[in-house]
């Protein structure tokens, strides 16, 4: 399943609250930011925030971006 489809499905899920949706949004932004980076470089929190704003028209804070990066770094993203 593509990242976009996964995100859209999650955002439509009525069982999720706003905080859970923000987490999913941040994780999707990390995946896109990582795809845009050189293979030897990790995306920064600022890059993740920018992707969320530009691709999803959503605002996440740097703390949410760092948390999503930490999850992605463990191989969960």
PDB file of N, CA and C in Angstrom:
ATOM      1  N   UNK A   1       0.856  -1.178   0.000  1.00  0.00           N
ATOM      2  CA  UNK A   1       0.000   0.000   0.000  1.00  0.00           C
ATOM      3  C   UNK A   1       0.903   1.242   0.000  1.00  0.00           C
ATOM      4  N   UNK A   2       0.592   2.184  -0.835  1.00  0.00           N
ATOM      5  CA  UNK A   2       1.412   3.385  -0.907  1.00  0.00           C
ATOM      6  C   UNK A   2       1.226   4.232   0.338  1.00  0.00           C
ATOM      7  N   UNK A   3       2.208   5.077   0.600  1.00  0.00           N
ATOM      8  CA  UNK A   3       2.148   5.949   1.772  1.00  0.00           C
ATOM      9  C   UNK A   3       0.917   6.844   1.725  1.00  0.00           C
ATOM     10  N   UNK A   4       0.576   7.329   0.537  1.00  0.00           N
ATOM     11  CA  UNK A   4      -0.590   8.213   0.408  1.00  0.00           C
ATOM     12  C   UNK A   4      -1.872   7.473   0.749  1.00  0.00           C
ATOM     13  N   UNK A   5      -2.039   6.293   0.216  1.00  0.00           N
ATOM     14  CA  UNK A   5      -3.260   5.520   0.469  1.00  0.00           C
ATOM     15  C   UNK A   5      -3.364   5.162   1.949  1.00  0.00           C
ATOM     16  N   UNK A   6      -2.250   4.775   2.526  1.00  0.00           N
ATOM     17  CA  UNK A   6      -2.221   4.437   3.944  1.00  0.00           C
ATOM     18  C   UNK A   6      -2.626   5.642   4.793  1.00  0.00           C
ATOM     19  N   UNK A   7      -2.080   6.794   4.455  1.00  0.00           N
ATOM     20  CA  UNK A   7      -2.383   8.008   5.206  1.00  0.00           C
ATOM     21  C   UNK A   7      -3.852   8.394   5.049  1.00  0.00           C
ATOM     22  N   UNK A   8      -4.361   8.372   3.834  1.00  0.00           N
ATOM     23  CA  UNK A   8      -5.765   8.730   3.610  1.00  0.00           C
ATOM     24  C   UNK A   8      -6.716   7.780   4.333  1.00  0.00           C
ATOM     25  N   UNK A   9      -6.393   6.511   4.324  1.00  0.00           N
ATOM     26  CA  UNK A   9      -7.210   5.535   5.042  1.00  0.00           C
ATOM     27  C   UNK A   9      -7.204   5.828   6.536  1.00  0.00           C
ATOM     28  N   UNK A  10      -6.041   6.117   7.071  1.00  0.00           N
ATOM     29  CA  UNK A  10      -5.930   6.411   8.501  1.00  0.00           C
ATOM     30  C   UNK A  10      -6.666   7.690   8.872  1.00  0.00           C
ATOM     31  N   UNK A  11      -6.571   8.699   8.033  1.00  0.00           N
ATOM     32  CA  UNK A  11      -7.222   9.970   8.341  1.00  0.00           C
ATOM     33  C   UNK A  11      -8.745   9.863   8.308  1.00  0.00           C
ATOM     34  N   UNK A  12      -9.269   8.901   7.565  1.00  0.00           N
ATOM     35  CA  UNK A  12     -10.720   8.693   7.503  1.00  0.00           C
ATOM     36  C   UNK A  12     -11.234   7.811   8.641  1.00  0.00           C
ATOM     37  N   UNK A  13     -10.331   7.185   9.371  1.00  0.00           N
ATOM     38  CA  UNK A  13     -10.709   6.251  10.430  1.00  0.00           C
ATOM     39  C   UNK A  13     -11.270   7.013  11.631  1.00  0.00           C
ATOM     40  N   UNK A  14     -12.555   6.845  11.889  1.00  0.00           N
ATOM     41  CA  UNK A  14     -13.221   7.550  12.986  1.00  0.00           C
ATOM     42  C   UNK A  14     -12.760   7.094  14.367  1.00  0.00           C
ATOM     43  N   UNK A  15     -12.090   5.969  14.435  1.00  0.00           N
ATOM     44  CA  UNK A  15     -11.624   5.472  15.734  1.00  0.00           C
ATOM     45  C   UNK A  15     -10.389   6.204  16.222  1.00  0.00           C
ATOM     46  N   UNK A  16      -9.717   6.939  15.342  1.00  0.00           N
ATOM     47  CA  UNK A  16      -8.501   7.659  15.717  1.00  0.00           C
ATOM     48  C   UNK A  16      -8.834   9.062  16.193  1.00  0.00           C
ATOM     49  N   UNK A  17      -8.130   9.495  17.236  1.00  0.00           N
ATOM     50  CA  UNK A  17      -8.315  10.876  17.675  1.00  0.00           C
ATOM     51  C   UNK A  17      -7.298  11.771  16.964  1.00  0.00           C
ATOM     52  N   UNK A  18      -7.364  13.050  17.238  1.00  0.00           N
ATOM     53  CA  UNK A  18      -6.504  14.007  16.535  1.00  0.00           C
ATOM     54  C   UNK A  18      -5.019  13.735  16.779  1.00  0.00           C
ATOM     55  N   UNK A  19      -4.666  13.376  18.000  1.00  0.00           N
ATOM     56  CA  UNK A  19      -3.259  13.102  18.315  1.00  0.00           C
ATOM     57  C   UNK A  19      -2.748  11.901  17.521  1.00  0.00           C
ATOM     58  N   UNK A  20      -3.573  10.861  17.409  1.00  0.00           N
ATOM     59  CA  UNK A  20      -3.170   9.678  16.644  1.00  0.00           C
ATOM     60  C   UNK A  20      -3.032  10.006  15.157  1.00  0.00           C
ATOM     61  N   UNK A  21      -3.910  10.843  14.655  1.00  0.00           N
ATOM     62  CA  UNK A  21      -3.806  11.264  13.253  1.00  0.00           C
ATOM     63  C   UNK A  21      -2.531  12.076  13.031  1.00  0.00           C
ATOM     64  N   UNK A  22      -2.196  12.936  13.989  1.00  0.00           N
ATOM     65  CA  UNK A  22      -0.962  13.725  13.874  1.00  0.00           C
ATOM     66  C   UNK A  22       0.268  12.831  13.828  1.00  0.00           C
ATOM     67  N   UNK A  23       0.259  11.773  14.623  1.00  0.00           N
ATOM     68  CA  UNK A  23       1.379  10.824  14.621  1.00  0.00           C
ATOM     69  C   UNK A  23       1.505  10.176  13.246  1.00  0.00           C
ATOM     70  N   UNK A  24       0.395   9.727  12.690  1.00  0.00           N
ATOM     71  CA  UNK A  24       0.424   9.099  11.362  1.00  0.00           C
ATOM     72  C   UNK A  24       0.876  10.078  10.287  1.00  0.00           C
ATOM     73  N   UNK A  25       0.423  11.300  10.394  1.00  0.00           N
ATOM     74  CA  UNK A  25       0.814  12.332   9.442  1.00  0.00           C
ATOM     75  C   UNK A  25       2.322  12.583   9.522  1.00  0.00           C
ATOM     76  N   UNK A  26       2.840  12.681  10.739  1.00  0.00           N
ATOM     77  CA  UNK A  26       4.276  12.906  10.925  1.00  0.00           C
ATOM     78  C   UNK A  26       5.082  11.729  10.382  1.00  0.00           C
ATOM     79  N   UNK A  27       4.609  10.509  10.606  1.00  0.00           N
ATOM     80  CA  UNK A  27       5.315   9.336  10.090  1.00  0.00           C
ATOM     81  C   UNK A  27       5.323   9.321   8.563  1.00  0.00           C
ATOM     82  N   UNK A  28       4.222   9.716   7.951  1.00  0.00           N
ATOM     83  CA  UNK A  28       4.172   9.791   6.491  1.00  0.00           C
ATOM     84  C   UNK A  28       5.123  10.865   5.980  1.00  0.00           C
ATOM     85  N   UNK A  29       5.185  11.988   6.670  1.00  0.00           N
ATOM     86  CA  UNK A  29       6.098  13.065   6.272  1.00  0.00           C
ATOM     87  C   UNK A  29       7.548  12.609   6.381  1.00  0.00           C
ATOM     88  N   UNK A  30       7.859  11.814   7.394  1.00  0.00           N
ATOM     89  CA  UNK A  30       9.218  11.271   7.531  1.00  0.00           C
ATOM     90  C   UNK A  30       9.553  10.392   6.337  1.00  0.00           C
ATOM     91  N   UNK A  31       8.622   9.524   5.950  1.00  0.00           N
ATOM     92  CA  UNK A  31       8.882   8.627   4.817  1.00  0.00           C
ATOM     93  C   UNK A  31       9.167   9.405   3.544  1.00  0.00           C
ATOM     94  N   UNK A  32       8.382  10.448   3.300  1.00  0.00           N
ATOM     95  CA  UNK A  32       8.585  11.251   2.093  1.00  0.00           C
ATOM     96  C   UNK A  32       9.895  12.024   2.187  1.00  0.00           C
ATOM     97  N   UNK A  33      10.170  12.612   3.341  1.00  0.00           N
ATOM     98  CA  UNK A  33      11.427  13.352   3.520  1.00  0.00           C
ATOM     99  C   UNK A  33      12.621  12.417   3.337  1.00  0.00           C
ATOM    100  N   UNK A  34      12.524  11.203   3.852  1.00  0.00           N
ATOM    101  CA  UNK A  34      13.615  10.235   3.706  1.00  0.00           C
ATOM    102  C   UNK A  34      13.818   9.853   2.246  1.00  0.00           C
ATOM    103  N   UNK A  35      12.727   9.698   1.511  1.00  0.00           N
ATOM    104  CA  UNK A  35      12.833   9.370   0.085  1.00  0.00           C
ATOM    105  C   UNK A  35      13.527  10.478  -0.700  1.00  0.00           C
ATOM    106  N   UNK A  36      13.412  11.696  -0.217  1.00  0.00           N
ATOM    107  CA  UNK A  36      14.007  12.839  -0.914  1.00  0.00           C
ATOM    108  C   UNK A  36      15.460  13.089  -0.517  1.00  0.00           C
ATOM    109  N   UNK A  37      15.918  12.454   0.535  1.00  0.00           N
ATOM    110  CA  UNK A  37      17.299  12.639   1.006  1.00  0.00           C
ATOM    111  C   UNK A  37      18.247  11.705   0.263  1.00  0.00           C
ATOM    112  N   UNK A  38      19.503  12.063   0.332  1.00  0.00           N
ATOM    113  CA  UNK A  38      20.527  11.142  -0.159  1.00  0.00           C
ATOM    114  C   UNK A  38      20.464   9.878   0.701  1.00  0.00           C
ATOM    115  N   UNK A  39      20.763   8.728   0.122  1.00  0.00           N
ATOM    116  CA  UNK A  39      20.659   7.472   0.872  1.00  0.00           C
ATOM    117  C   UNK A  39      21.510   7.425   2.142  1.00  0.00           C
ATOM    118  N   UNK A  40      22.548   8.209   2.187  1.00  0.00           N
ATOM    119  CA  UNK A  40      23.445   8.195   3.345  1.00  0.00           C
ATOM    120  C   UNK A  40      23.075   9.228   4.401  1.00  0.00           C
ATOM    121  N   UNK A  41      21.977   9.923   4.210  1.00  0.00           N
ATOM    122  CA  UNK A  41      21.611  11.003   5.127  1.00  0.00           C
ATOM    123  C   UNK A  41      20.189  10.822   5.643  1.00  0.00           C
ATOM    124  N   UNK A  42      20.024  11.119   6.930  1.00  0.00           N
ATOM    125  CA  UNK A  42      18.683  11.096   7.537  1.00  0.00           C
ATOM    126  C   UNK A  42      18.020  12.451   7.354  1.00  0.00           C
ATOM    127  N   UNK A  43      16.707  12.487   7.191  1.00  0.00           N
ATOM    128  CA  UNK A  43      16.028  13.787   7.128  1.00  0.00           C
ATOM    129  C   UNK A  43      16.077  14.465   8.494  1.00  0.00           C
ATOM    130  N   UNK A  44      16.004  15.764   8.489  1.00  0.00           N
ATOM    131  CA  UNK A  44      15.970  16.526   9.737  1.00  0.00           C
ATOM    132  C   UNK A  44      14.517  16.766  10.141  1.00  0.00           C
ATOM    133  N   UNK A  45      14.334  17.156  11.386  1.00  0.00           N
ATOM    134  CA  UNK A  45      12.985  17.489  11.860  1.00  0.00           C
ATOM    135  C   UNK A  45      12.410  18.643  11.043  1.00  0.00           C
ATOM    136  N   UNK A  46      13.241  19.622  10.708  1.00  0.00           N
ATOM    137  CA  UNK A  46      12.764  20.750   9.900  1.00  0.00           C
ATOM    138  C   UNK A  46      12.289  20.291   8.522  1.00  0.00           C
ATOM    139  N   UNK A  47      12.988  19.350   7.928  1.00  0.00           N
ATOM    140  CA  UNK A  47      12.565  18.823   6.624  1.00  0.00           C
ATOM    141  C   UNK A  47      11.231  18.087   6.736  1.00  0.00           C
ATOM    142  N   UNK A  48      11.049  17.374   7.821  1.00  0.00           N
ATOM    143  CA  UNK A  48       9.790  16.653   8.039  1.00  0.00           C
ATOM    144  C   UNK A  48       8.641  17.642   8.217  1.00  0.00           C
ATOM    145  N   UNK A  49       8.868  18.699   8.994  1.00  0.00           N
ATOM    146  CA  UNK A  49       7.850  19.738   9.191  1.00  0.00           C
ATOM    147  C   UNK A  49       7.495  20.377   7.850  1.00  0.00           C
ATOM    148  N   UNK A  50       8.505  20.639   7.037  1.00  0.00           N
ATOM    149  CA  UNK A  50       8.283  21.247   5.721  1.00  0.00           C
ATOM    150  C   UNK A  50       7.471  20.327   4.818  1.00  0.00           C
ATOM    151  N   UNK A  51       7.796  19.048   4.797  1.00  0.00           N
ATOM    152  CA  UNK A  51       7.038  18.093   3.978  1.00  0.00           C
ATOM    153  C   UNK A  51       5.582  18.055   4.433  1.00  0.00           C
ATOM    154  N   UNK A  52       5.344  18.008   5.730  1.00  0.00           N
ATOM    155  CA  UNK A  52       3.964  17.977   6.236  1.00  0.00           C
ATOM    156  C   UNK A  52       3.199  19.213   5.776  1.00  0.00           C
ATOM    157  N   UNK A  53       3.854  20.348   5.842  1.00  0.00           N
ATOM    158  CA  UNK A  53       3.199  21.598   5.443  1.00  0.00           C
ATOM    159  C   UNK A  53       2.958  21.644   3.938  1.00  0.00           C
ATOM    160  N   UNK A  54       3.973  21.302   3.149  1.00  0.00           N
ATOM    161  CA  UNK A  54       3.874  21.439   1.696  1.00  0.00           C
ATOM    162  C   UNK A  54       3.076  20.316   1.028  1.00  0.00           C
ATOM    163  N   UNK A  55       3.203  19.102   1.515  1.00  0.00           N
ATOM    164  CA  UNK A  55       2.533  17.967   0.872  1.00  0.00           C
ATOM    165  C   UNK A  55       1.132  17.714   1.417  1.00  0.00           C
ATOM    166  N   UNK A  56       0.943  17.953   2.721  1.00  0.00           N
ATOM    167  CA  UNK A  56      -0.329  17.622   3.363  1.00  0.00           C
ATOM    168  C   UNK A  56      -1.097  18.851   3.831  1.00  0.00           C
ATOM    169  N   UNK A  57      -0.510  20.037   3.661  1.00  0.00           N
ATOM    170  CA  UNK A  57      -1.129  21.275   4.167  1.00  0.00           C
ATOM    171  C   UNK A  57      -1.479  21.129   5.642  1.00  0.00           C
ATOM    172  N   UNK A  58      -0.557  20.531   6.389  1.00  0.00           N
ATOM    173  CA  UNK A  58      -0.769  20.286   7.813  1.00  0.00           C
ATOM    174  C   UNK A  58       0.416  20.825   8.601  1.00  0.00           C
ATOM    175  N   UNK A  59       0.124  21.268   9.800  1.00  0.00           N
ATOM    176  CA  UNK A  59       1.175  21.779  10.672  1.00  0.00           C
ATOM    177  C   UNK A  59       1.491  20.754  11.751  1.00  0.00           C
ATOM    178  N   UNK A  60       2.745  20.339  11.793  1.00  0.00           N
ATOM    179  CA  UNK A  60       3.228  19.529  12.905  1.00  0.00           C
ATOM    180  C   UNK A  60       4.383  20.298  13.513  1.00  0.00           C
ATOM    181  N   UNK A  61       4.625  20.059  14.785  1.00  0.00           N
ATOM    182  CA  UNK A  61       5.721  20.783  15.421  1.00  0.00           C
ATOM    183  C   UNK A  61       6.998  19.943  15.363  1.00  0.00           C
ATOM    184  N   UNK A  62       8.144  20.570  15.606  1.00  0.00           N
ATOM    185  CA  UNK A  62       9.409  19.831  15.536  1.00  0.00           C
ATOM    186  C   UNK A  62       9.464  18.640  16.491  1.00  0.00           C
ATOM    187  N   UNK A  63       8.782  18.732  17.619  1.00  0.00           N
ATOM    188  CA  UNK A  63       8.748  17.601  18.550  1.00  0.00           C
ATOM    189  C   UNK A  63       8.060  16.383  17.947  1.00  0.00           C
ATOM    190  N   UNK A  64       6.956  16.614  17.256  1.00  0.00           N
ATOM    191  CA  UNK A  64       6.259  15.518  16.570  1.00  0.00           C
ATOM    192  C   UNK A  64       7.144  14.942  15.470  1.00  0.00           C
ATOM    193  N   UNK A  65       7.848  15.820  14.779  1.00  0.00           N
ATOM    194  CA  UNK A  65       8.744  15.364  13.712  1.00  0.00           C
ATOM    195  C   UNK A  65       9.875  14.517  14.290  1.00  0.00           C
ATOM    196  N   UNK A  66      10.455  14.959  15.407  1.00  0.00           N
ATOM    197  CA  UNK A  66      11.538  14.187  16.036  1.00  0.00           C
ATOM    198  C   UNK A  66      11.036  12.825  16.520  1.00  0.00           C
ATOM    199  N   UNK A  67       9.839  12.794  17.094  1.00  0.00           N
ATOM    200  CA  UNK A  67       9.277  11.516  17.553  1.00  0.00           C
ATOM    201  C   UNK A  67       9.067  10.564  16.375  1.00  0.00           C
ATOM    202  N   UNK A  68       8.572  11.079  15.268  1.00  0.00           N
ATOM    203  CA  UNK A  68       8.372  10.247  14.078  1.00  0.00           C
ATOM    204  C   UNK A  68       9.713   9.782  13.511  1.00  0.00           C
ATOM    205  N   UNK A  69      10.708  10.650  13.549  1.00  0.00           N
ATOM    206  CA  UNK A  69      12.046  10.258  13.090  1.00  0.00           C
ATOM    207  C   UNK A  69      12.618   9.152  13.972  1.00  0.00           C
ATOM    208  N   UNK A  70      12.379   9.229  15.269  1.00  0.00           N
ATOM    209  CA  UNK A  70      12.876   8.195  16.184  1.00  0.00           C
ATOM    210  C   UNK A  70      12.220   6.852  15.877  1.00  0.00           C
ATOM    211  N   UNK A  71      10.935   6.858  15.576  1.00  0.00           N
ATOM    212  CA  UNK A  71      10.225   5.634  15.212  1.00  0.00           C
ATOM    213  C   UNK A  71      10.766   5.082  13.902  1.00  0.00           C
ATOM    214  N   UNK A  72      10.943   5.967  12.923  1.00  0.00           N
ATOM    215  CA  UNK A  72      11.477   5.560  11.622  1.00  0.00           C
ATOM    216  C   UNK A  72      12.882   4.997  11.781  1.00  0.00           C
ATOM    217  N   UNK A  73      13.674   5.579  12.655  1.00  0.00           N
ATOM    218  CA  UNK A  73      15.043   5.129  12.885  1.00  0.00           C
ATOM    219  C   UNK A  73      15.126   3.727  13.460  1.00  0.00           C
ATOM    220  N   UNK A  74      14.052   3.287  14.121  1.00  0.00           N
ATOM    221  CA  UNK A  74      14.022   1.931  14.679  1.00  0.00           C
ATOM    222  C   UNK A  74      13.573   0.911  13.643  1.00  0.00           C
ATOM    223  N   UNK A  75      13.269   1.397  12.445  1.00  0.00           N
ATOM    224  CA  UNK A  75      12.843   0.486  11.388  1.00  0.00           C
ATOM    225  C   UNK A  75      11.347   0.275  11.334  1.00  0.00           C
ATOM    226  N   UNK A  76      10.592   1.052  12.131  1.00  0.00           N
ATOM    227  CA  UNK A  76       9.144   0.906  12.141  1.00  0.00           C
ATOM    228  C   UNK A  76       8.467   1.723  11.057  1.00  0.00           C
ATOM    229  N   UNK A  77       9.222   2.615  10.392  1.00  0.00           N
ATOM    230  CA  UNK A  77       8.579   3.511   9.433  1.00  0.00           C
ATOM    231  C   UNK A  77       8.868   3.150   8.031  1.00  0.00           C
TER     232      UNK A  77
END
